[in-house]
């Protein structure tokens, strides 16, 4: 039996600003991935419609190109995310199956292995063995999966959820430059689109840095600079090709 004397008066629970649960970290990763997906939609679609706008003033041609780019990009993002997460999930399930087999066939060796991992983390051998035994009694598979493999058996990523989330995020991001350039009067649509995209990229750059707990200003500058550069290059290419074709 352990004593509470060593923790008397201490707040031993997770702090509000430092959550340690696997579910929270997974949700945080999802939010960050959604922001990055929206950012991809903004940049790729803005570059596409700006390129077409550089070649022609035909609003219908710009809208058709933008819609085609949105559909192709969203489907590509969804398919890529599904394949990637499916592969990751298959690997995690294989590792979990291996752990289940080892726990069933070699329980003592697995207990010693878990205790050894806690010794490497800084616990004494006696305390590490005590912790390992208690965790084995509670949920041996979860203990090994989280400590040895970094996997939460109850929180594996769903490939379908990942695919739909990626598609939706890309679509939301892509709609901004597409609607802006098609609904704005022709004489100002280029500059209005540039301003709208810059504001959106500043927001996604800030959000991605915040979710990753990184400095926000450099992320915003990089994001905006990359988007502006992409729009400038594609517009120049479109203008050059449009002039030659015309």
C-alpha atoms as a PDB file:
ATOM      1  CA  UNK A   1       0.000   0.000   0.000  1.00  0.00           C
ATOM      2  CA  UNK A   2       1.328   3.439  -0.879  1.00  0.00           C
ATOM      3  CA  UNK A   3       1.316   6.411   1.441  1.00  0.00           C
ATOM      4  CA  UNK A   4      -0.194   9.806   0.625  1.00  0.00           C
ATOM      5  CA  UNK A   5       2.260  11.629   2.878  1.00  0.00           C
ATOM      6  CA  UNK A   6       4.634  12.449   0.049  1.00  0.00           C
ATOM      7  CA  UNK A   7       1.881  14.131  -1.954  1.00  0.00           C
ATOM      8  CA  UNK A   8       0.007  15.821   0.873  1.00  0.00           C
ATOM      9  CA  UNK A   9      -0.945  19.361  -0.089  1.00  0.00           C
ATOM     10  CA  UNK A  10       0.109  18.873  -3.727  1.00  0.00           C
ATOM     11  CA  UNK A  11      -2.138  19.165  -6.759  1.00  0.00           C
ATOM     12  CA  UNK A  12      -1.327  15.865  -8.438  1.00  0.00           C
ATOM     13  CA  UNK A  13      -3.973  16.107 -11.150  1.00  0.00           C
ATOM     14  CA  UNK A  14      -3.349  17.485 -14.653  1.00  0.00           C
ATOM     15  CA  UNK A  15      -3.238  21.276 -14.850  1.00  0.00           C
ATOM     16  CA  UNK A  16      -5.823  22.991 -17.034  1.00  0.00           C
ATOM     17  CA  UNK A  17      -3.115  24.463 -19.273  1.00  0.00           C
ATOM     18  CA  UNK A  18      -1.130  21.228 -19.466  1.00  0.00           C
ATOM     19  CA  UNK A  19      -3.545  18.426 -20.368  1.00  0.00           C
ATOM     20  CA  UNK A  20      -1.933  15.002 -20.488  1.00  0.00           C
ATOM     21  CA  UNK A  21      -4.720  12.746 -21.695  1.00  0.00           C
ATOM     22  CA  UNK A  22      -4.332  10.906 -24.964  1.00  0.00           C
ATOM     23  CA  UNK A  23      -7.825  11.979 -26.053  1.00  0.00           C
ATOM     24  CA  UNK A  24      -6.980  15.670 -25.710  1.00  0.00           C
ATOM     25  CA  UNK A  25      -3.725  15.303 -27.619  1.00  0.00           C
ATOM     26  CA  UNK A  26      -5.547  13.433 -30.373  1.00  0.00           C
ATOM     27  CA  UNK A  27      -8.189  16.146 -30.635  1.00  0.00           C
ATOM     28  CA  UNK A  28      -5.470  18.788 -30.706  1.00  0.00           C
ATOM     29  CA  UNK A  29      -3.767  16.987 -33.576  1.00  0.00           C
ATOM     30  CA  UNK A  30      -7.068  16.814 -35.425  1.00  0.00           C
ATOM     31  CA  UNK A  31      -7.640  20.539 -35.023  1.00  0.00           C
ATOM     32  CA  UNK A  32      -4.138  21.330 -36.214  1.00  0.00           C
ATOM     33  CA  UNK A  33      -4.535  18.971 -39.190  1.00  0.00           C
ATOM     34  CA  UNK A  34      -7.830  20.667 -40.070  1.00  0.00           C
ATOM     35  CA  UNK A  35      -6.203  24.082 -40.016  1.00  0.00           C
ATOM     36  CA  UNK A  36      -3.384  22.856 -42.247  1.00  0.00           C
ATOM     37  CA  UNK A  37      -5.909  21.244 -44.616  1.00  0.00           C
ATOM     38  CA  UNK A  38      -7.819  24.508 -44.879  1.00  0.00           C
ATOM     39  CA  UNK A  39      -4.539  26.302 -45.484  1.00  0.00           C
ATOM     40  CA  UNK A  40      -3.750  23.943 -48.375  1.00  0.00           C
ATOM     41  CA  UNK A  41      -7.177  24.635 -49.856  1.00  0.00           C
ATOM     42  CA  UNK A  42      -6.641  28.378 -49.646  1.00  0.00           C
ATOM     43  CA  UNK A  43      -3.189  28.386 -51.227  1.00  0.00           C
ATOM     44  CA  UNK A  44      -3.766  25.834 -53.987  1.00  0.00           C
ATOM     45  CA  UNK A  45      -7.124  27.236 -55.083  1.00  0.00           C
ATOM     46  CA  UNK A  46      -5.961  30.840 -54.855  1.00  0.00           C
ATOM     47  CA  UNK A  47      -2.965  30.001 -56.996  1.00  0.00           C
ATOM     48  CA  UNK A  48      -5.173  28.225 -59.535  1.00  0.00           C
ATOM     49  CA  UNK A  49      -7.809  30.943 -59.926  1.00  0.00           C
ATOM     50  CA  UNK A  50      -5.184  33.675 -59.980  1.00  0.00           C
ATOM     51  CA  UNK A  51      -3.373  31.855 -62.755  1.00  0.00           C
ATOM     52  CA  UNK A  52      -6.556  31.580 -64.806  1.00  0.00           C
ATOM     53  CA  UNK A  53      -7.435  35.207 -64.036  1.00  0.00           C
ATOM     54  CA  UNK A  54      -4.040  36.202 -65.366  1.00  0.00           C
ATOM     55  CA  UNK A  55      -4.812  34.461 -68.645  1.00  0.00           C
ATOM     56  CA  UNK A  56      -8.433  35.488 -69.139  1.00  0.00           C
ATOM     57  CA  UNK A  57     -11.083  37.832 -67.768  1.00  0.00           C
ATOM     58  CA  UNK A  58     -13.846  35.284 -68.424  1.00  0.00           C
ATOM     59  CA  UNK A  59     -15.567  34.826 -65.064  1.00  0.00           C
ATOM     60  CA  UNK A  60     -17.075  31.500 -66.106  1.00  0.00           C
ATOM     61  CA  UNK A  61     -13.685  30.073 -67.041  1.00  0.00           C
ATOM     62  CA  UNK A  62     -12.257  31.184 -63.703  1.00  0.00           C
ATOM     63  CA  UNK A  63     -15.187  29.667 -61.787  1.00  0.00           C
ATOM     64  CA  UNK A  64     -15.004  26.353 -63.669  1.00  0.00           C
ATOM     65  CA  UNK A  65     -11.244  26.086 -63.102  1.00  0.00           C
ATOM     66  CA  UNK A  66     -11.660  26.922 -59.430  1.00  0.00           C
ATOM     67  CA  UNK A  67     -14.432  24.360 -58.910  1.00  0.00           C
ATOM     68  CA  UNK A  68     -12.428  21.693 -60.714  1.00  0.00           C
ATOM     69  CA  UNK A  69      -9.400  22.483 -58.566  1.00  0.00           C
ATOM     70  CA  UNK A  70     -11.504  22.395 -55.396  1.00  0.00           C
ATOM     71  CA  UNK A  71     -13.003  19.005 -56.268  1.00  0.00           C
ATOM     72  CA  UNK A  72      -9.688  17.486 -57.337  1.00  0.00           C
ATOM     73  CA  UNK A  73      -7.851  18.852 -54.303  1.00  0.00           C
ATOM     74  CA  UNK A  74     -10.492  17.748 -51.793  1.00  0.00           C
ATOM     75  CA  UNK A  75     -10.680  14.231 -53.238  1.00  0.00           C
ATOM     76  CA  UNK A  76      -6.905  13.966 -53.364  1.00  0.00           C
ATOM     77  CA  UNK A  77      -6.574  15.116 -49.750  1.00  0.00           C
ATOM     78  CA  UNK A  78      -9.279  12.708 -48.589  1.00  0.00           C
ATOM     79  CA  UNK A  79      -7.845   9.730 -50.457  1.00  0.00           C
ATOM     80  CA  UNK A  80      -4.312  10.462 -49.308  1.00  0.00           C
ATOM     81  CA  UNK A  81      -5.392  10.835 -45.689  1.00  0.00           C
ATOM     82  CA  UNK A  82      -7.427   7.617 -45.828  1.00  0.00           C
ATOM     83  CA  UNK A  83      -4.496   5.614 -47.206  1.00  0.00           C
ATOM     84  CA  UNK A  84      -2.043   7.119 -44.747  1.00  0.00           C
ATOM     85  CA  UNK A  85      -4.198   6.628 -41.657  1.00  0.00           C
ATOM     86  CA  UNK A  86      -5.257   3.139 -42.756  1.00  0.00           C
ATOM     87  CA  UNK A  87      -1.607   2.136 -43.004  1.00  0.00           C
ATOM     88  CA  UNK A  88      -0.879   3.647 -39.602  1.00  0.00           C
ATOM     89  CA  UNK A  89      -3.885   1.936 -38.016  1.00  0.00           C
ATOM     90  CA  UNK A  90      -2.928  -1.425 -39.521  1.00  0.00           C
ATOM     91  CA  UNK A  91       0.573  -1.067 -38.099  1.00  0.00           C
ATOM     92  CA  UNK A  92      -0.778  -0.127 -34.674  1.00  0.00           C
ATOM     93  CA  UNK A  93      -3.178  -3.079 -34.657  1.00  0.00           C
ATOM     94  CA  UNK A  94      -0.350  -5.425 -35.607  1.00  0.00           C
ATOM     95  CA  UNK A  95       1.786  -4.102 -32.744  1.00  0.00           C
ATOM     96  CA  UNK A  96      -1.124  -4.452 -30.304  1.00  0.00           C
ATOM     97  CA  UNK A  97      -1.742  -8.034 -31.444  1.00  0.00           C
ATOM     98  CA  UNK A  98       1.936  -8.799 -30.855  1.00  0.00           C
ATOM     99  CA  UNK A  99       1.725  -7.331 -27.349  1.00  0.00           C
ATOM    100  CA  UNK A 100      -1.385  -9.382 -26.554  1.00  0.00           C
ATOM    101  CA  UNK A 101       0.374 -12.560 -27.640  1.00  0.00           C
ATOM    102  CA  UNK A 102       3.478 -11.787 -25.615  1.00  0.00           C
ATOM    103  CA  UNK A 103       1.420 -10.936 -22.520  1.00  0.00           C
ATOM    104  CA  UNK A 104      -0.415 -14.222 -22.867  1.00  0.00           C
ATOM    105  CA  UNK A 105       2.654 -16.376 -23.545  1.00  0.00           C
ATOM    106  CA  UNK A 106       5.367 -14.552 -21.526  1.00  0.00           C
ATOM    107  CA  UNK A 107       3.692 -12.567 -18.727  1.00  0.00           C
ATOM    108  CA  UNK A 108       6.717 -12.555 -16.423  1.00  0.00           C
ATOM    109  CA  UNK A 109       9.081 -11.360 -19.148  1.00  0.00           C
ATOM    110  CA  UNK A 110       6.633  -8.618 -20.118  1.00  0.00           C
ATOM    111  CA  UNK A 111       6.330  -7.507 -16.488  1.00  0.00           C
ATOM    112  CA  UNK A 112      10.110  -7.279 -16.243  1.00  0.00           C
ATOM    113  CA  UNK A 113      10.254  -5.370 -19.517  1.00  0.00           C
ATOM    114  CA  UNK A 114       7.712  -2.804 -18.322  1.00  0.00           C
ATOM    115  CA  UNK A 115       9.561  -2.386 -15.033  1.00  0.00           C
ATOM    116  CA  UNK A 116      12.783  -1.872 -16.971  1.00  0.00           C
ATOM    117  CA  UNK A 117      11.183   0.912 -19.000  1.00  0.00           C
ATOM    118  CA  UNK A 118      10.248   2.722 -15.788  1.00  0.00           C
ATOM    119  CA  UNK A 119      13.784   2.272 -14.467  1.00  0.00           C
ATOM    120  CA  UNK A 120      15.014   3.989 -17.637  1.00  0.00           C
ATOM    121  CA  UNK A 121      12.626   6.839 -16.879  1.00  0.00           C
ATOM    122  CA  UNK A 122      14.279   7.330 -13.489  1.00  0.00           C
ATOM    123  CA  UNK A 123      12.390   5.149 -11.010  1.00  0.00           C
ATOM    124  CA  UNK A 124      14.201   2.850  -8.607  1.00  0.00           C
ATOM    125  CA  UNK A 125      14.020  -0.859  -9.406  1.00  0.00           C
ATOM    126  CA  UNK A 126      11.738  -1.609  -6.455  1.00  0.00           C
ATOM    127  CA  UNK A 127       9.323   1.224  -7.268  1.00  0.00           C
ATOM    128  CA  UNK A 128       9.410   0.449 -10.995  1.00  0.00           C
ATOM    129  CA  UNK A 129       8.459  -3.166 -10.292  1.00  0.00           C
ATOM    130  CA  UNK A 130       5.688  -2.074  -7.948  1.00  0.00           C
ATOM    131  CA  UNK A 131       4.268   0.314 -10.563  1.00  0.00           C
ATOM    132  CA  UNK A 132       4.545  -2.312 -13.296  1.00  0.00           C
ATOM    133  CA  UNK A 133       2.686  -4.887 -11.186  1.00  0.00           C
ATOM    134  CA  UNK A 134      -0.136  -2.481 -10.402  1.00  0.00           C
ATOM    135  CA  UNK A 135      -0.480  -1.494 -14.051  1.00  0.00           C
ATOM    136  CA  UNK A 136      -0.477  -5.147 -15.115  1.00  0.00           C
ATOM    137  CA  UNK A 137      -3.283  -5.852 -12.680  1.00  0.00           C
ATOM    138  CA  UNK A 138      -5.268  -2.878 -13.982  1.00  0.00           C
ATOM    139  CA  UNK A 139      -4.709  -3.114 -17.772  1.00  0.00           C
ATOM    140  CA  UNK A 140      -1.505  -4.777 -18.915  1.00  0.00           C
ATOM    141  CA  UNK A 141      -2.071  -4.145 -22.628  1.00  0.00           C
ATOM    142  CA  UNK A 142      -2.743  -0.442 -22.175  1.00  0.00           C
ATOM    143  CA  UNK A 143       0.325  -0.077 -19.959  1.00  0.00           C
ATOM    144  CA  UNK A 144       2.633  -1.692 -22.512  1.00  0.00           C
ATOM    145  CA  UNK A 145       1.019   0.015 -25.493  1.00  0.00           C
ATOM    146  CA  UNK A 146       1.311   3.501 -24.024  1.00  0.00           C
ATOM    147  CA  UNK A 147       4.729   3.116 -22.372  1.00  0.00           C
ATOM    148  CA  UNK A 148       6.472   0.897 -24.895  1.00  0.00           C
ATOM    149  CA  UNK A 149       4.762   1.808 -28.170  1.00  0.00           C
ATOM    150  CA  UNK A 150       3.230   5.236 -27.560  1.00  0.00           C
ATOM    151  CA  UNK A 151      -0.220   3.931 -28.580  1.00  0.00           C
ATOM    152  CA  UNK A 152      -3.557   4.353 -26.827  1.00  0.00           C
ATOM    153  CA  UNK A 153      -5.495   1.133 -27.627  1.00  0.00           C
ATOM    154  CA  UNK A 154      -8.808   2.891 -26.985  1.00  0.00           C
ATOM    155  CA  UNK A 155      -8.053   5.915 -29.174  1.00  0.00           C
ATOM    156  CA  UNK A 156      -6.843   4.647 -32.551  1.00  0.00           C
ATOM    157  CA  UNK A 157      -7.399   7.023 -35.446  1.00  0.00           C
ATOM    158  CA  UNK A 158     -10.296   6.207 -37.770  1.00  0.00           C
ATOM    159  CA  UNK A 159      -9.239   6.477 -41.457  1.00  0.00           C
ATOM    160  CA  UNK A 160     -12.743   7.458 -42.567  1.00  0.00           C
ATOM    161  CA  UNK A 161     -12.902  10.246 -40.018  1.00  0.00           C
ATOM    162  CA  UNK A 162      -9.492  11.433 -41.178  1.00  0.00           C
ATOM    163  CA  UNK A 163     -10.514  11.350 -44.847  1.00  0.00           C
ATOM    164  CA  UNK A 164     -13.749  13.279 -44.343  1.00  0.00           C
ATOM    165  CA  UNK A 165     -12.114  15.814 -42.044  1.00  0.00           C
ATOM    166  CA  UNK A 166      -9.339  16.426 -44.560  1.00  0.00           C
ATOM    167  CA  UNK A 167     -11.792  16.816 -47.448  1.00  0.00           C
ATOM    168  CA  UNK A 168     -13.999  19.195 -45.476  1.00  0.00           C
ATOM    169  CA  UNK A 169     -11.092  21.325 -44.285  1.00  0.00           C
ATOM    170  CA  UNK A 170      -9.668  21.638 -47.802  1.00  0.00           C
ATOM    171  CA  UNK A 171     -13.100  22.519 -49.210  1.00  0.00           C
ATOM    172  CA  UNK A 172     -13.715  25.233 -46.621  1.00  0.00           C
ATOM    173  CA  UNK A 173     -10.319  26.759 -47.326  1.00  0.00           C
ATOM    174  CA  UNK A 174     -10.747  26.550 -51.100  1.00  0.00           C
ATOM    175  CA  UNK A 175     -14.146  28.229 -51.068  1.00  0.00           C
ATOM    176  CA  UNK A 176     -12.715  31.524 -49.830  1.00  0.00           C
ATOM    177  CA  UNK A 177     -10.584  32.465 -52.871  1.00  0.00           C
ATOM    178  CA  UNK A 178     -13.059  30.832 -55.263  1.00  0.00           C
ATOM    179  CA  UNK A 179     -16.077  32.791 -54.035  1.00  0.00           C
ATOM    180  CA  UNK A 180     -14.088  35.992 -53.652  1.00  0.00           C
ATOM    181  CA  UNK A 181     -12.740  36.052 -57.191  1.00  0.00           C
ATOM    182  CA  UNK A 182     -16.009  34.973 -58.826  1.00  0.00           C
ATOM    183  CA  UNK A 183     -18.375  37.245 -56.874  1.00  0.00           C
ATOM    184  CA  UNK A 184     -16.238  40.406 -56.942  1.00  0.00           C
ATOM    185  CA  UNK A 185     -16.466  42.926 -59.826  1.00  0.00           C
ATOM    186  CA  UNK A 186     -13.811  42.202 -62.497  1.00  0.00           C
ATOM    187  CA  UNK A 187     -11.981  45.504 -62.089  1.00  0.00           C
ATOM    188  CA  UNK A 188     -11.134  44.847 -58.424  1.00  0.00           C
ATOM    189  CA  UNK A 189     -11.367  41.082 -58.030  1.00  0.00           C
ATOM    190  CA  UNK A 190      -7.618  40.450 -58.179  1.00  0.00           C
ATOM    191  CA  UNK A 191      -6.794  42.808 -55.335  1.00  0.00           C
ATOM    192  CA  UNK A 192      -9.821  41.843 -53.264  1.00  0.00           C
ATOM    193  CA  UNK A 193      -8.874  38.175 -53.620  1.00  0.00           C
ATOM    194  CA  UNK A 194      -5.278  38.891 -52.629  1.00  0.00           C
ATOM    195  CA  UNK A 195      -6.403  40.762 -49.513  1.00  0.00           C
ATOM    196  CA  UNK A 196      -8.901  38.054 -48.543  1.00  0.00           C
ATOM    197  CA  UNK A 197      -6.311  35.300 -49.014  1.00  0.00           C
ATOM    198  CA  UNK A 198      -3.682  37.210 -47.017  1.00  0.00           C
ATOM    199  CA  UNK A 199      -6.097  37.636 -44.100  1.00  0.00           C
ATOM    200  CA  UNK A 200      -7.098  33.971 -44.236  1.00  0.00           C
ATOM    201  CA  UNK A 201      -3.490  32.784 -44.406  1.00  0.00           C
ATOM    202  CA  UNK A 202      -2.573  34.996 -41.471  1.00  0.00           C
ATOM    203  CA  UNK A 203      -5.376  33.369 -39.481  1.00  0.00           C
ATOM    204  CA  UNK A 204      -4.409  29.793 -40.414  1.00  0.00           C
ATOM    205  CA  UNK A 205      -0.726  30.521 -39.812  1.00  0.00           C
ATOM    206  CA  UNK A 206      -1.502  31.865 -36.359  1.00  0.00           C
ATOM    207  CA  UNK A 207      -3.805  28.941 -35.563  1.00  0.00           C
ATOM    208  CA  UNK A 208      -1.347  26.254 -36.694  1.00  0.00           C
ATOM    209  CA  UNK A 209       1.412  27.824 -34.598  1.00  0.00           C
ATOM    210  CA  UNK A 210      -0.888  28.139 -31.586  1.00  0.00           C
ATOM    211  CA  UNK A 211      -1.967  24.501 -31.789  1.00  0.00           C
ATOM    212  CA  UNK A 212       1.680  23.477 -32.084  1.00  0.00           C
ATOM    213  CA  UNK A 213       2.668  25.849 -29.240  1.00  0.00           C
ATOM    214  CA  UNK A 214       5.188  27.578 -31.498  1.00  0.00           C
ATOM    215  CA  UNK A 215       5.875  31.314 -31.966  1.00  0.00           C
ATOM    216  CA  UNK A 216       2.978  32.756 -33.952  1.00  0.00           C
ATOM    217  CA  UNK A 217       4.592  35.734 -35.707  1.00  0.00           C
ATOM    218  CA  UNK A 218       7.151  33.750 -37.776  1.00  0.00           C
ATOM    219  CA  UNK A 219       4.432  31.255 -38.724  1.00  0.00           C
ATOM    220  CA  UNK A 220       2.114  34.026 -39.919  1.00  0.00           C
ATOM    221  CA  UNK A 221       4.888  35.696 -41.930  1.00  0.00           C
ATOM    222  CA  UNK A 222       5.927  32.415 -43.571  1.00  0.00           C
ATOM    223  CA  UNK A 223       2.359  31.466 -44.364  1.00  0.00           C
ATOM    224  CA  UNK A 224       1.430  34.812 -45.879  1.00  0.00           C
ATOM    225  CA  UNK A 225       4.696  35.123 -47.813  1.00  0.00           C
ATOM    226  CA  UNK A 226       4.304  31.636 -49.289  1.00  0.00           C
ATOM    227  CA  UNK A 227       0.716  32.284 -50.348  1.00  0.00           C
ATOM    228  CA  UNK A 228       1.497  35.665 -51.906  1.00  0.00           C
ATOM    229  CA  UNK A 229       4.461  34.179 -53.757  1.00  0.00           C
ATOM    230  CA  UNK A 230       2.300  31.347 -55.113  1.00  0.00           C
ATOM    231  CA  UNK A 231      -0.380  33.758 -56.312  1.00  0.00           C
ATOM    232  CA  UNK A 232       2.175  36.080 -57.910  1.00  0.00           C
ATOM    233  CA  UNK A 233       3.896  33.264 -59.782  1.00  0.00           C
ATOM    234  CA  UNK A 234       0.692  31.646 -61.059  1.00  0.00           C
ATOM    235  CA  UNK A 235      -0.764  35.005 -62.093  1.00  0.00           C
ATOM    236  CA  UNK A 236       2.425  35.822 -63.990  1.00  0.00           C
ATOM    237  CA  UNK A 237       2.390  32.426 -65.708  1.00  0.00           C
ATOM    238  CA  UNK A 238      -1.276  32.839 -66.616  1.00  0.00           C
ATOM    239  CA  UNK A 239      -0.709  36.357 -67.961  1.00  0.00           C
ATOM    240  CA  UNK A 240       2.266  35.203 -70.031  1.00  0.00           C
ATOM    241  CA  UNK A 241       0.473  32.179 -71.497  1.00  0.00           C
ATOM    242  CA  UNK A 242      -2.717  34.160 -72.071  1.00  0.00           C
ATOM    243  CA  UNK A 243      -0.830  36.812 -74.006  1.00  0.00           C
ATOM    244  CA  UNK A 244       0.929  34.225 -76.177  1.00  0.00           C
ATOM    245  CA  UNK A 245      -2.237  32.251 -76.853  1.00  0.00           C
ATOM    246  CA  UNK A 246      -4.238  35.401 -77.558  1.00  0.00           C
END
